PDB file of N, CA and C in Angstrom:
ATOM      1  N   UNK A   1      54.907 -39.780 -43.103  1.00  0.00           N
ATOM      2  CA  UNK A   1      55.064 -41.021 -43.816  1.00  0.00           C
ATOM      3  C   UNK A   1      55.605 -40.843 -45.152  1.00  0.00           C
ATOM      4  N   UNK A   2      56.661 -41.506 -45.502  1.00  0.00           N
ATOM      5  CA  UNK A   2      57.355 -41.494 -46.914  1.00  0.00           C
ATOM      6  C   UNK A   2      56.597 -41.869 -47.987  1.00  0.00           C
ATOM      7  N   UNK A   3      55.780 -42.900 -47.940  1.00  0.00           N
ATOM      8  CA  UNK A   3      54.941 -43.354 -49.072  1.00  0.00           C
ATOM      9  C   UNK A   3      53.884 -42.154 -49.361  1.00  0.00           C
ATOM     10  N   UNK A   4      53.257 -41.673 -48.529  1.00  0.00           N
ATOM     11  CA  UNK A   4      52.367 -40.717 -48.657  1.00  0.00           C
ATOM     12  C   UNK A   4      52.971 -39.303 -49.327  1.00  0.00           C
ATOM     13  N   UNK A   5      54.131 -39.010 -48.969  1.00  0.00           N
ATOM     14  CA  UNK A   5      54.905 -37.915 -49.433  1.00  0.00           C
ATOM     15  C   UNK A   5      55.252 -38.202 -50.947  1.00  0.00           C
ATOM     16  N   UNK A   6      55.617 -39.417 -51.326  1.00  0.00           N
ATOM     17  CA  UNK A   6      55.966 -39.648 -52.641  1.00  0.00           C
ATOM     18  C   UNK A   6      54.596 -39.659 -53.367  1.00  0.00           C
ATOM     19  N   UNK A   7      53.551 -40.144 -52.765  1.00  0.00           N
ATOM     20  CA  UNK A   7      52.136 -40.195 -53.698  1.00  0.00           C
ATOM     21  C   UNK A   7      51.787 -38.730 -53.832  1.00  0.00           C
ATOM     22  N   UNK A   8      52.163 -37.859 -52.841  1.00  0.00           N
ATOM     23  CA  UNK A   8      51.709 -36.476 -52.878  1.00  0.00           C
ATOM     24  C   UNK A   8      52.484 -35.766 -54.037  1.00  0.00           C
ATOM     25  N   UNK A   9      53.721 -36.131 -54.051  1.00  0.00           N
ATOM     26  CA  UNK A   9      54.684 -35.507 -55.322  1.00  0.00           C
ATOM     27  C   UNK A   9      54.241 -36.029 -56.668  1.00  0.00           C
ATOM     28  N   UNK A  10      53.768 -37.255 -56.716  1.00  0.00           N
ATOM     29  CA  UNK A  10      53.344 -37.752 -58.037  1.00  0.00           C
ATOM     30  C   UNK A  10      51.848 -37.075 -58.280  1.00  0.00           C
ATOM     31  N   UNK A  11      51.153 -36.803 -57.192  1.00  0.00           N
ATOM     32  CA  UNK A  11      49.932 -35.982 -57.530  1.00  0.00           C
ATOM     33  C   UNK A  11      50.128 -34.628 -58.043  1.00  0.00           C
ATOM     34  N   UNK A  12      51.210 -33.989 -57.503  1.00  0.00           N
ATOM     35  CA  UNK A  12      51.551 -32.697 -57.828  1.00  0.00           C
ATOM     36  C   UNK A  12      51.995 -32.720 -59.257  1.00  0.00           C
ATOM     37  N   UNK A  13      52.842 -33.660 -59.732  1.00  0.00           N
ATOM     38  CA  UNK A  13      53.201 -33.821 -61.257  1.00  0.00           C
ATOM     39  C   UNK A  13      52.051 -33.954 -62.104  1.00  0.00           C
ATOM     40  N   UNK A  14      51.088 -34.980 -61.765  1.00  0.00           N
ATOM     41  CA  UNK A  14      50.104 -35.030 -62.666  1.00  0.00           C
ATOM     42  C   UNK A  14      49.295 -33.913 -62.784  1.00  0.00           C
ATOM     43  N   UNK A  15      49.134 -33.258 -61.715  1.00  0.00           N
ATOM     44  CA  UNK A  15      48.213 -31.947 -61.626  1.00  0.00           C
ATOM     45  C   UNK A  15      48.808 -30.769 -62.490  1.00  0.00           C
ATOM     46  N   UNK A  16      50.212 -30.645 -62.460  1.00  0.00           N
ATOM     47  CA  UNK A  16      50.897 -29.707 -63.139  1.00  0.00           C
ATOM     48  C   UNK A  16      50.771 -30.180 -64.780  1.00  0.00           C
ATOM     49  N   UNK A  17      51.037 -31.283 -65.012  1.00  0.00           N
ATOM     50  CA  UNK A  17      50.924 -31.723 -66.359  1.00  0.00           C
ATOM     51  C   UNK A  17      49.474 -31.520 -66.889  1.00  0.00           C
ATOM     52  N   UNK A  18      48.347 -31.765 -66.010  1.00  0.00           N
ATOM     53  CA  UNK A  18      47.058 -31.641 -66.563  1.00  0.00           C
ATOM     54  C   UNK A  18      46.593 -30.226 -66.576  1.00  0.00           C
ATOM     55  N   UNK A  19      47.381 -29.291 -65.960  1.00  0.00           N
ATOM     56  CA  UNK A  19      47.121 -27.840 -65.812  1.00  0.00           C
ATOM     57  C   UNK A  19      47.646 -27.090 -67.106  1.00  0.00           C
ATOM     58  N   UNK A  20      48.490 -27.646 -67.888  1.00  0.00           N
ATOM     59  CA  UNK A  20      49.127 -27.049 -68.958  1.00  0.00           C
ATOM     60  C   UNK A  20      48.002 -26.725 -70.166  1.00  0.00           C
ATOM     61  N   UNK A  21      48.214 -25.741 -70.902  1.00  0.00           N
ATOM     62  CA  UNK A  21      47.276 -25.500 -72.102  1.00  0.00           C
ATOM     63  C   UNK A  21      46.541 -24.320 -71.799  1.00  0.00           C
ATOM     64  N   UNK A  22      45.536 -23.925 -72.758  1.00  0.00           N
ATOM     65  CA  UNK A  22      44.726 -22.835 -72.724  1.00  0.00           C
ATOM     66  C   UNK A  22      43.790 -22.898 -71.623  1.00  0.00           C
ATOM     67  N   UNK A  23      43.236 -21.655 -71.183  1.00  0.00           N
ATOM     68  CA  UNK A  23      42.271 -21.437 -70.215  1.00  0.00           C
ATOM     69  C   UNK A  23      40.931 -22.022 -70.693  1.00  0.00           C
ATOM     70  N   UNK A  24      40.192 -22.527 -69.831  1.00  0.00           N
ATOM     71  CA  UNK A  24      38.753 -22.972 -70.362  1.00  0.00           C
ATOM     72  C   UNK A  24      37.953 -21.763 -70.310  1.00  0.00           C
ATOM     73  N   UNK A  25      36.758 -21.787 -70.855  1.00  0.00           N
ATOM     74  CA  UNK A  25      35.773 -20.845 -71.018  1.00  0.00           C
ATOM     75  C   UNK A  25      35.437 -20.277 -69.711  1.00  0.00           C
ATOM     76  N   UNK A  26      34.993 -21.148 -68.591  1.00  0.00           N
ATOM     77  CA  UNK A  26      34.727 -20.446 -67.404  1.00  0.00           C
ATOM     78  C   UNK A  26      35.840 -19.715 -66.663  1.00  0.00           C
ATOM     79  N   UNK A  27      37.140 -20.152 -66.977  1.00  0.00           N
ATOM     80  CA  UNK A  27      38.335 -19.395 -66.420  1.00  0.00           C
ATOM     81  C   UNK A  27      38.455 -18.036 -67.046  1.00  0.00           C
ATOM     82  N   UNK A  28      38.195 -18.067 -68.271  1.00  0.00           N
ATOM     83  CA  UNK A  28      38.287 -16.680 -69.156  1.00  0.00           C
ATOM     84  C   UNK A  28      37.085 -15.900 -68.778  1.00  0.00           C
ATOM     85  N   UNK A  29      35.933 -16.377 -68.457  1.00  0.00           N
ATOM     86  CA  UNK A  29      34.801 -15.719 -67.997  1.00  0.00           C
ATOM     87  C   UNK A  29      35.141 -15.146 -66.744  1.00  0.00           C
ATOM     88  N   UNK A  30      35.681 -15.897 -65.806  1.00  0.00           N
ATOM     89  CA  UNK A  30      36.139 -15.328 -64.507  1.00  0.00           C
ATOM     90  C   UNK A  30      36.915 -14.055 -64.539  1.00  0.00           C
ATOM     91  N   UNK A  31      37.834 -14.164 -65.540  1.00  0.00           N
ATOM     92  CA  UNK A  31      38.980 -13.088 -65.678  1.00  0.00           C
ATOM     93  C   UNK A  31      38.097 -11.977 -66.072  1.00  0.00           C
ATOM     94  N   UNK A  32      37.088 -12.085 -67.158  1.00  0.00           N
ATOM     95  CA  UNK A  32      36.329 -11.051 -67.485  1.00  0.00           C
ATOM     96  C   UNK A  32      35.439 -10.397 -66.582  1.00  0.00           C
ATOM     97  N   UNK A  33      34.935 -11.121 -65.606  1.00  0.00           N
ATOM     98  CA  UNK A  33      34.199 -10.559 -64.562  1.00  0.00           C
ATOM     99  C   UNK A  33      34.884  -9.731 -63.555  1.00  0.00           C
ATOM    100  N   UNK A  34      36.349 -10.073 -63.560  1.00  0.00           N
ATOM    101  CA  UNK A  34      37.433  -9.199 -62.604  1.00  0.00           C
ATOM    102  C   UNK A  34      37.968  -8.085 -63.237  1.00  0.00           C
ATOM    103  N   UNK A  35      37.937  -8.038 -64.646  1.00  0.00           N
ATOM    104  CA  UNK A  35      38.605  -6.805 -65.228  1.00  0.00           C
ATOM    105  C   UNK A  35      37.992  -5.468 -64.921  1.00  0.00           C
ATOM    106  N   UNK A  36      36.677  -5.262 -64.685  1.00  0.00           N
ATOM    107  CA  UNK A  36      36.491  -3.810 -64.427  1.00  0.00           C
ATOM    108  C   UNK A  36      36.546  -3.452 -62.784  1.00  0.00           C
ATOM    109  N   UNK A  37      36.972  -4.407 -62.084  1.00  0.00           N
ATOM    110  CA  UNK A  37      36.981  -4.208 -60.527  1.00  0.00           C
ATOM    111  C   UNK A  37      38.371  -3.421 -60.180  1.00  0.00           C
ATOM    112  N   UNK A  38      38.159  -2.533 -59.260  1.00  0.00           N
ATOM    113  CA  UNK A  38      39.365  -1.712 -58.817  1.00  0.00           C
ATOM    114  C   UNK A  38      39.913  -2.006 -57.476  1.00  0.00           C
ATOM    115  N   UNK A  39      39.247  -2.855 -56.726  1.00  0.00           N
ATOM    116  CA  UNK A  39      39.686  -3.487 -55.498  1.00  0.00           C
ATOM    117  C   UNK A  39      39.268  -4.869 -55.153  1.00  0.00           C
ATOM    118  N   UNK A  40      39.894  -5.479 -54.355  1.00  0.00           N
ATOM    119  CA  UNK A  40      39.513  -6.989 -53.926  1.00  0.00           C
ATOM    120  C   UNK A  40      38.079  -7.004 -53.300  1.00  0.00           C
ATOM    121  N   UNK A  41      37.623  -6.026 -52.471  1.00  0.00           N
ATOM    122  CA  UNK A  41      36.414  -6.260 -51.674  1.00  0.00           C
ATOM    123  C   UNK A  41      35.333  -6.170 -52.795  1.00  0.00           C
ATOM    124  N   UNK A  42      35.486  -5.534 -53.986  1.00  0.00           N
ATOM    125  CA  UNK A  42      34.387  -5.472 -54.868  1.00  0.00           C
ATOM    126  C   UNK A  42      34.101  -6.925 -55.479  1.00  0.00           C
ATOM    127  N   UNK A  43      34.925  -7.961 -55.236  1.00  0.00           N
ATOM    128  CA  UNK A  43      34.641  -9.401 -55.587  1.00  0.00           C
ATOM    129  C   UNK A  43      33.314  -9.854 -54.873  1.00  0.00           C
ATOM    130  N   UNK A  44      33.372  -9.333 -53.689  1.00  0.00           N
ATOM    131  CA  UNK A  44      32.234  -9.746 -52.751  1.00  0.00           C
ATOM    132  C   UNK A  44      30.859  -8.916 -53.135  1.00  0.00           C
ATOM    133  N   UNK A  45      31.074  -7.806 -53.377  1.00  0.00           N
ATOM    134  CA  UNK A  45      29.786  -6.852 -53.585  1.00  0.00           C
ATOM    135  C   UNK A  45      29.465  -6.470 -54.911  1.00  0.00           C
ATOM    136  N   UNK A  46      30.242  -6.526 -55.959  1.00  0.00           N
ATOM    137  CA  UNK A  46      30.036  -6.006 -57.286  1.00  0.00           C
ATOM    138  C   UNK A  46      29.750  -7.285 -58.221  1.00  0.00           C
ATOM    139  N   UNK A  47      30.259  -8.346 -58.103  1.00  0.00           N
ATOM    140  CA  UNK A  47      30.034  -9.368 -58.955  1.00  0.00           C
ATOM    141  C   UNK A  47      28.878 -10.368 -58.409  1.00  0.00           C
ATOM    142  N   UNK A  48      27.805 -10.138 -59.043  1.00  0.00           N
ATOM    143  CA  UNK A  48      26.560 -11.099 -58.668  1.00  0.00           C
ATOM    144  C   UNK A  48      26.396 -12.168 -59.862  1.00  0.00           C
ATOM    145  N   UNK A  49      27.240 -13.248 -59.670  1.00  0.00           N
ATOM    146  CA  UNK A  49      27.206 -14.176 -60.713  1.00  0.00           C
ATOM    147  C   UNK A  49      27.802 -15.527 -60.151  1.00  0.00           C
ATOM    148  N   UNK A  50      27.129 -16.623 -60.676  1.00  0.00           N
ATOM    149  CA  UNK A  50      27.394 -18.072 -60.195  1.00  0.00           C
ATOM    150  C   UNK A  50      28.859 -18.553 -60.539  1.00  0.00           C
ATOM    151  N   UNK A  51      29.522 -17.623 -61.416  1.00  0.00           N
ATOM    152  CA  UNK A  51      30.886 -18.138 -61.718  1.00  0.00           C
ATOM    153  C   UNK A  51      31.886 -17.402 -60.738  1.00  0.00           C
ATOM    154  N   UNK A  52      31.378 -16.711 -59.838  1.00  0.00           N
ATOM    155  CA  UNK A  52      32.299 -15.876 -58.968  1.00  0.00           C
ATOM    156  C   UNK A  52      32.350 -16.725 -57.749  1.00  0.00           C
ATOM    157  N   UNK A  53      33.686 -17.487 -57.734  1.00  0.00           N
ATOM    158  CA  UNK A  53      34.034 -18.280 -56.366  1.00  0.00           C
ATOM    159  C   UNK A  53      35.084 -17.598 -55.739  1.00  0.00           C
ATOM    160  N   UNK A  54      34.656 -16.954 -54.624  1.00  0.00           N
ATOM    161  CA  UNK A  54      35.359 -16.040 -53.952  1.00  0.00           C
ATOM    162  C   UNK A  54      36.843 -16.287 -53.676  1.00  0.00           C
ATOM    163  N   UNK A  55      37.200 -17.371 -53.222  1.00  0.00           N
ATOM    164  CA  UNK A  55      38.600 -17.614 -53.127  1.00  0.00           C
ATOM    165  C   UNK A  55      39.458 -17.565 -54.395  1.00  0.00           C
ATOM    166  N   UNK A  56      38.835 -18.361 -55.440  1.00  0.00           N
ATOM    167  CA  UNK A  56      39.509 -18.354 -56.669  1.00  0.00           C
ATOM    168  C   UNK A  56      39.540 -16.957 -57.387  1.00  0.00           C
ATOM    169  N   UNK A  57      38.441 -16.134 -57.203  1.00  0.00           N
ATOM    170  CA  UNK A  57      38.540 -14.717 -57.792  1.00  0.00           C
ATOM    171  C   UNK A  57      39.424 -13.923 -57.070  1.00  0.00           C
ATOM    172  N   UNK A  58      39.589 -14.114 -55.743  1.00  0.00           N
ATOM    173  CA  UNK A  58      40.535 -13.231 -55.014  1.00  0.00           C
ATOM    174  C   UNK A  58      42.055 -13.752 -55.597  1.00  0.00           C
ATOM    175  N   UNK A  59      42.448 -15.031 -55.726  1.00  0.00           N
ATOM    176  CA  UNK A  59      43.514 -15.552 -56.138  1.00  0.00           C
ATOM    177  C   UNK A  59      43.907 -14.876 -57.668  1.00  0.00           C
ATOM    178  N   UNK A  60      42.803 -14.868 -58.524  1.00  0.00           N
ATOM    179  CA  UNK A  60      42.988 -14.536 -59.927  1.00  0.00           C
ATOM    180  C   UNK A  60      43.294 -13.065 -60.060  1.00  0.00           C
ATOM    181  N   UNK A  61      42.489 -12.438 -59.043  1.00  0.00           N
ATOM    182  CA  UNK A  61      42.693 -10.810 -59.018  1.00  0.00           C
ATOM    183  C   UNK A  61      44.119 -10.534 -58.593  1.00  0.00           C
ATOM    184  N   UNK A  62      44.646 -11.262 -57.614  1.00  0.00           N
ATOM    185  CA  UNK A  62      46.083 -10.985 -57.187  1.00  0.00           C
ATOM    186  C   UNK A  62      46.969 -11.185 -58.224  1.00  0.00           C
ATOM    187  N   UNK A  63      46.825 -12.487 -59.001  1.00  0.00           N
ATOM    188  CA  UNK A  63      47.756 -13.116 -59.970  1.00  0.00           C
ATOM    189  C   UNK A  63      47.756 -12.113 -61.153  1.00  0.00           C
ATOM    190  N   UNK A  64      46.596 -11.863 -61.611  1.00  0.00           N
ATOM    191  CA  UNK A  64      46.350 -10.994 -62.776  1.00  0.00           C
ATOM    192  C   UNK A  64      46.006 -11.769 -64.096  1.00  0.00           C
ATOM    193  N   UNK A  65      45.327 -11.109 -65.022  1.00  0.00           N
ATOM    194  CA  UNK A  65      45.043 -11.653 -66.201  1.00  0.00           C
ATOM    195  C   UNK A  65      46.212 -11.870 -67.110  1.00  0.00           C
ATOM    196  N   UNK A  66      47.407 -11.179 -66.901  1.00  0.00           N
ATOM    197  CA  UNK A  66      48.530 -11.354 -67.861  1.00  0.00           C
ATOM    198  C   UNK A  66      49.292 -12.579 -67.421  1.00  0.00           C
ATOM    199  N   UNK A  67      49.075 -13.132 -66.338  1.00  0.00           N
ATOM    200  CA  UNK A  67      49.813 -14.378 -65.735  1.00  0.00           C
ATOM    201  C   UNK A  67      49.714 -15.567 -66.685  1.00  0.00           C
ATOM    202  N   UNK A  68      50.686 -16.504 -66.635  1.00  0.00           N
ATOM    203  CA  UNK A  68      50.454 -17.737 -67.522  1.00  0.00           C
ATOM    204  C   UNK A  68      49.230 -18.404 -67.012  1.00  0.00           C
ATOM    205  N   UNK A  69      48.812 -19.351 -67.848  1.00  0.00           N
ATOM    206  CA  UNK A  69      47.683 -20.154 -67.446  1.00  0.00           C
ATOM    207  C   UNK A  69      48.111 -21.148 -66.279  1.00  0.00           C
ATOM    208  N   UNK A  70      49.282 -21.591 -66.264  1.00  0.00           N
ATOM    209  CA  UNK A  70      49.642 -22.482 -65.223  1.00  0.00           C
ATOM    210  C   UNK A  70      49.807 -21.805 -63.811  1.00  0.00           C
ATOM    211  N   UNK A  71      50.202 -20.476 -63.873  1.00  0.00           N
ATOM    212  CA  UNK A  71      50.154 -19.750 -62.596  1.00  0.00           C
ATOM    213  C   UNK A  71      48.676 -19.372 -62.347  1.00  0.00           C
ATOM    214  N   UNK A  72      47.823 -19.044 -63.143  1.00  0.00           N
ATOM    215  CA  UNK A  72      46.453 -18.849 -62.854  1.00  0.00           C
ATOM    216  C   UNK A  72      45.696 -20.101 -62.272  1.00  0.00           C
ATOM    217  N   UNK A  73      46.219 -21.265 -62.571  1.00  0.00           N
ATOM    218  CA  UNK A  73      45.676 -22.506 -62.065  1.00  0.00           C
ATOM    219  C   UNK A  73      46.385 -22.850 -60.863  1.00  0.00           C
ATOM    220  N   UNK A  74      47.219 -22.046 -60.230  1.00  0.00           N
ATOM    221  CA  UNK A  74      48.186 -22.548 -59.013  1.00  0.00           C
ATOM    222  C   UNK A  74      47.427 -22.781 -58.058  1.00  0.00           C
ATOM    223  N   UNK A  75      46.292 -22.090 -57.657  1.00  0.00           N
ATOM    224  CA  UNK A  75      45.432 -22.222 -56.402  1.00  0.00           C
ATOM    225  C   UNK A  75      44.907 -23.836 -56.466  1.00  0.00           C
ATOM    226  N   UNK A  76      44.318 -23.933 -57.674  1.00  0.00           N
ATOM    227  CA  UNK A  76      43.616 -25.365 -57.914  1.00  0.00           C
ATOM    228  C   UNK A  76      44.599 -26.630 -57.769  1.00  0.00           C
ATOM    229  N   UNK A  77      45.792 -26.288 -58.231  1.00  0.00           N
ATOM    230  CA  UNK A  77      46.888 -27.258 -58.133  1.00  0.00           C
ATOM    231  C   UNK A  77      47.178 -27.515 -56.732  1.00  0.00           C
ATOM    232  N   UNK A  78      47.370 -26.368 -55.870  1.00  0.00           N
ATOM    233  CA  UNK A  78      47.839 -26.362 -54.539  1.00  0.00           C
ATOM    234  C   UNK A  78      46.799 -27.058 -53.624  1.00  0.00           C
ATOM    235  N   UNK A  79      45.402 -26.828 -53.980  1.00  0.00           N
ATOM    236  CA  UNK A  79      44.357 -27.220 -53.029  1.00  0.00           C
ATOM    237  C   UNK A  79      44.154 -28.810 -53.563  1.00  0.00           C
ATOM    238  N   UNK A  80      44.434 -29.080 -54.660  1.00  0.00           N
ATOM    239  CA  UNK A  80      44.331 -30.443 -55.147  1.00  0.00           C
ATOM    240  C   UNK A  80      45.345 -31.425 -54.502  1.00  0.00           C
ATOM    241  N   UNK A  81      46.599 -30.978 -54.518  1.00  0.00           N
ATOM    242  CA  UNK A  81      47.642 -31.700 -53.719  1.00  0.00           C
ATOM    243  C   UNK A  81      47.453 -31.661 -52.219  1.00  0.00           C
ATOM    244  N   UNK A  82      46.650 -30.562 -51.762  1.00  0.00           N
ATOM    245  CA  UNK A  82      46.420 -30.520 -50.304  1.00  0.00           C
ATOM    246  C   UNK A  82      45.426 -31.617 -49.892  1.00  0.00           C
ATOM    247  N   UNK A  83      44.302 -31.812 -50.945  1.00  0.00           N
ATOM    248  CA  UNK A  83      43.437 -32.671 -50.658  1.00  0.00           C
ATOM    249  C   UNK A  83      44.004 -34.202 -50.573  1.00  0.00           C
ATOM    250  N   UNK A  84      45.112 -34.521 -51.252  1.00  0.00           N
ATOM    251  CA  UNK A  84      45.864 -35.816 -51.346  1.00  0.00           C
ATOM    252  C   UNK A  84      46.195 -35.983 -49.904  1.00  0.00           C
ATOM    253  N   UNK A  85      46.888 -35.002 -49.130  1.00  0.00           N
ATOM    254  CA  UNK A  85      47.522 -35.025 -47.879  1.00  0.00           C
ATOM    255  C   UNK A  85      46.291 -34.960 -46.935  1.00  0.00           C
ATOM    256  N   UNK A  86      45.345 -34.337 -47.096  1.00  0.00           N
ATOM    257  CA  UNK A  86      44.119 -34.189 -46.122  1.00  0.00           C
ATOM    258  C   UNK A  86      43.551 -35.634 -46.076  1.00  0.00           C
ATOM    259  N   UNK A  87      43.421 -36.260 -47.229  1.00  0.00           N
ATOM    260  CA  UNK A  87      42.741 -37.684 -47.233  1.00  0.00           C
ATOM    261  C   UNK A  87      43.697 -38.538 -46.613  1.00  0.00           C
ATOM    262  N   UNK A  88      44.797 -38.424 -46.712  1.00  0.00           N
ATOM    263  CA  UNK A  88      45.805 -39.311 -45.855  1.00  0.00           C
ATOM    264  C   UNK A  88      45.642 -39.116 -44.473  1.00  0.00           C
ATOM    265  N   UNK A  89      45.554 -37.963 -44.026  1.00  0.00           N
ATOM    266  CA  UNK A  89      45.373 -37.523 -42.637  1.00  0.00           C
ATOM    267  C   UNK A  89      44.172 -38.033 -42.035  1.00  0.00           C
ATOM    268  N   UNK A  90      43.070 -38.064 -42.848  1.00  0.00           N
ATOM    269  CA  UNK A  90      41.910 -38.494 -42.330  1.00  0.00           C
ATOM    270  C   UNK A  90      41.550 -39.996 -42.187  1.00  0.00           C
ATOM    271  N   UNK A  91      42.417 -40.644 -42.956  1.00  0.00           N
ATOM    272  CA  UNK A  91      42.469 -42.163 -42.978  1.00  0.00           C
ATOM    273  C   UNK A  91      42.851 -42.681 -41.744  1.00  0.00           C
ATOM    274  N   UNK A  92      42.204 -44.044 -41.398  1.00  0.00           N
ATOM    275  CA  UNK A  92      42.573 -44.574 -40.095  1.00  0.00           C
ATOM    276  C   UNK A  92      43.539 -45.642 -40.500  1.00  0.00           C
ATOM    277  N   UNK A  93      44.789 -45.433 -39.995  1.00  0.00           N
ATOM    278  CA  UNK A  93      45.746 -46.499 -40.196  1.00  0.00           C
ATOM    279  C   UNK A  93      46.691 -46.297 -41.388  1.00  0.00           C
ATOM    280  N   UNK A  94      47.872 -46.929 -41.274  1.00  0.00           N
ATOM    281  CA  UNK A  94      48.868 -46.571 -42.279  1.00  0.00           C
ATOM    282  C   UNK A  94      48.442 -46.996 -43.769  1.00  0.00           C
ATOM    283  N   UNK A  95      47.955 -48.238 -43.970  1.00  0.00           N
ATOM    284  CA  UNK A  95      47.755 -48.606 -45.173  1.00  0.00           C
ATOM    285  C   UNK A  95      46.435 -47.918 -45.768  1.00  0.00           C
ATOM    286  N   UNK A  96      45.566 -47.576 -44.818  1.00  0.00           N
ATOM    287  CA  UNK A  96      44.318 -46.820 -45.319  1.00  0.00           C
ATOM    288  C   UNK A  96      44.901 -45.407 -45.942  1.00  0.00           C
ATOM    289  N   UNK A  97      45.678 -44.879 -45.085  1.00  0.00           N
ATOM    290  CA  UNK A  97      46.266 -43.599 -45.655  1.00  0.00           C
ATOM    291  C   UNK A  97      47.143 -43.633 -46.970  1.00  0.00           C
ATOM    292  N   UNK A  98      47.840 -44.802 -47.174  1.00  0.00           N
ATOM    293  CA  UNK A  98      48.650 -44.922 -48.384  1.00  0.00           C
ATOM    294  C   UNK A  98      47.499 -45.096 -49.470  1.00  0.00           C
ATOM    295  N   UNK A  99      46.464 -45.971 -49.300  1.00  0.00           N
ATOM    296  CA  UNK A  99      45.592 -46.275 -50.394  1.00  0.00           C
ATOM    297  C   UNK A  99      44.616 -44.959 -50.719  1.00  0.00           C
ATOM    298  N   UNK A 100      44.186 -44.242 -49.491  1.00  0.00           N
ATOM    299  CA  UNK A 100      43.378 -43.202 -49.833  1.00  0.00           C
ATOM    300  C   UNK A 100      44.094 -41.976 -50.464  1.00  0.00           C
ATOM    301  N   UNK A 101      45.349 -41.809 -50.075  1.00  0.00           N
ATOM    302  CA  UNK A 101      46.100 -40.741 -50.755  1.00  0.00           C
ATOM    303  C   UNK A 101      46.292 -41.105 -52.113  1.00  0.00           C
ATOM    304  N   UNK A 102      46.637 -42.342 -52.627  1.00  0.00           N
ATOM    305  CA  UNK A 102      46.892 -42.870 -53.986  1.00  0.00           C
ATOM    306  C   UNK A 102      45.650 -42.586 -54.626  1.00  0.00           C
ATOM    307  N   UNK A 103      44.325 -43.026 -54.197  1.00  0.00           N
ATOM    308  CA  UNK A 103      43.228 -42.804 -54.884  1.00  0.00           C
ATOM    309  C   UNK A 103      42.974 -41.157 -55.170  1.00  0.00           C
ATOM    310  N   UNK A 104      43.141 -40.373 -54.272  1.00  0.00           N
ATOM    311  CA  UNK A 104      43.037 -38.976 -54.309  1.00  0.00           C
ATOM    312  C   UNK A 104      44.173 -38.496 -55.415  1.00  0.00           C
ATOM    313  N   UNK A 105      45.233 -39.121 -55.439  1.00  0.00           N
ATOM    314  CA  UNK A 105      46.417 -38.468 -56.273  1.00  0.00           C
ATOM    315  C   UNK A 105      46.134 -38.911 -57.691  1.00  0.00           C
ATOM    316  N   UNK A 106      45.684 -39.937 -58.024  1.00  0.00           N
ATOM    317  CA  UNK A 106      45.504 -40.491 -59.417  1.00  0.00           C
ATOM    318  C   UNK A 106      44.022 -40.477 -60.078  1.00  0.00           C
ATOM    319  N   UNK A 107      43.099 -40.139 -59.137  1.00  0.00           N
ATOM    320  CA  UNK A 107      41.833 -40.321 -59.728  1.00  0.00           C
ATOM    321  C   UNK A 107      41.602 -39.291 -60.758  1.00  0.00           C
ATOM    322  N   UNK A 108      40.990 -39.750 -61.850  1.00  0.00           N
ATOM    323  CA  UNK A 108      40.971 -38.790 -63.124  1.00  0.00           C
ATOM    324  C   UNK A 108      40.046 -37.416 -62.557  1.00  0.00           C
ATOM    325  N   UNK A 109      39.043 -37.471 -61.881  1.00  0.00           N
ATOM    326  CA  UNK A 109      38.331 -36.359 -61.583  1.00  0.00           C
ATOM    327  C   UNK A 109      39.300 -35.438 -60.718  1.00  0.00           C
ATOM    328  N   UNK A 110      39.768 -35.994 -59.685  1.00  0.00           N
ATOM    329  CA  UNK A 110      40.721 -35.130 -58.812  1.00  0.00           C
ATOM    330  C   UNK A 110      41.824 -34.400 -59.488  1.00  0.00           C
ATOM    331  N   UNK A 111      42.281 -35.102 -60.535  1.00  0.00           N
ATOM    332  CA  UNK A 111      43.420 -34.496 -61.177  1.00  0.00           C
ATOM    333  C   UNK A 111      42.990 -33.473 -62.306  1.00  0.00           C
ATOM    334  N   UNK A 112      41.775 -33.844 -62.948  1.00  0.00           N
ATOM    335  CA  UNK A 112      41.265 -32.958 -63.854  1.00  0.00           C
ATOM    336  C   UNK A 112      40.786 -31.756 -63.474  1.00  0.00           C
ATOM    337  N   UNK A 113      39.956 -31.715 -62.309  1.00  0.00           N
ATOM    338  CA  UNK A 113      39.415 -30.556 -61.750  1.00  0.00           C
ATOM    339  C   UNK A 113      40.028 -29.911 -60.609  1.00  0.00           C
ATOM    340  N   UNK A 114      41.164 -30.533 -60.114  1.00  0.00           N
ATOM    341  CA  UNK A 114      41.813 -30.048 -58.963  1.00  0.00           C
ATOM    342  C   UNK A 114      43.321 -30.007 -59.192  1.00  0.00           C
TER     343      UNK A 114
END
């Protein structure tokens, strides 16, 4: 559906604009936790900390600490945009899909944290 696709692109633009800037403390902290690791599997066994979110830690390990902040937030951006399309797919009916995807695309919390 074209309307949902346009809303998804708008959600992507908002998330990219919101992801600019310096890293937050918890993002820097996550990179500091990853620094001494020598392989990906150590993310599961060596980091015993509540700031270690496995999927995000794996992504950051692969991207590296020297990547731009926008690239380091790429997984969050992609999953946030994916949530817009998932919300549309879960809705019943055309108008419900449009409204639901619009709410997910422009909601402050969804843009700010995803």
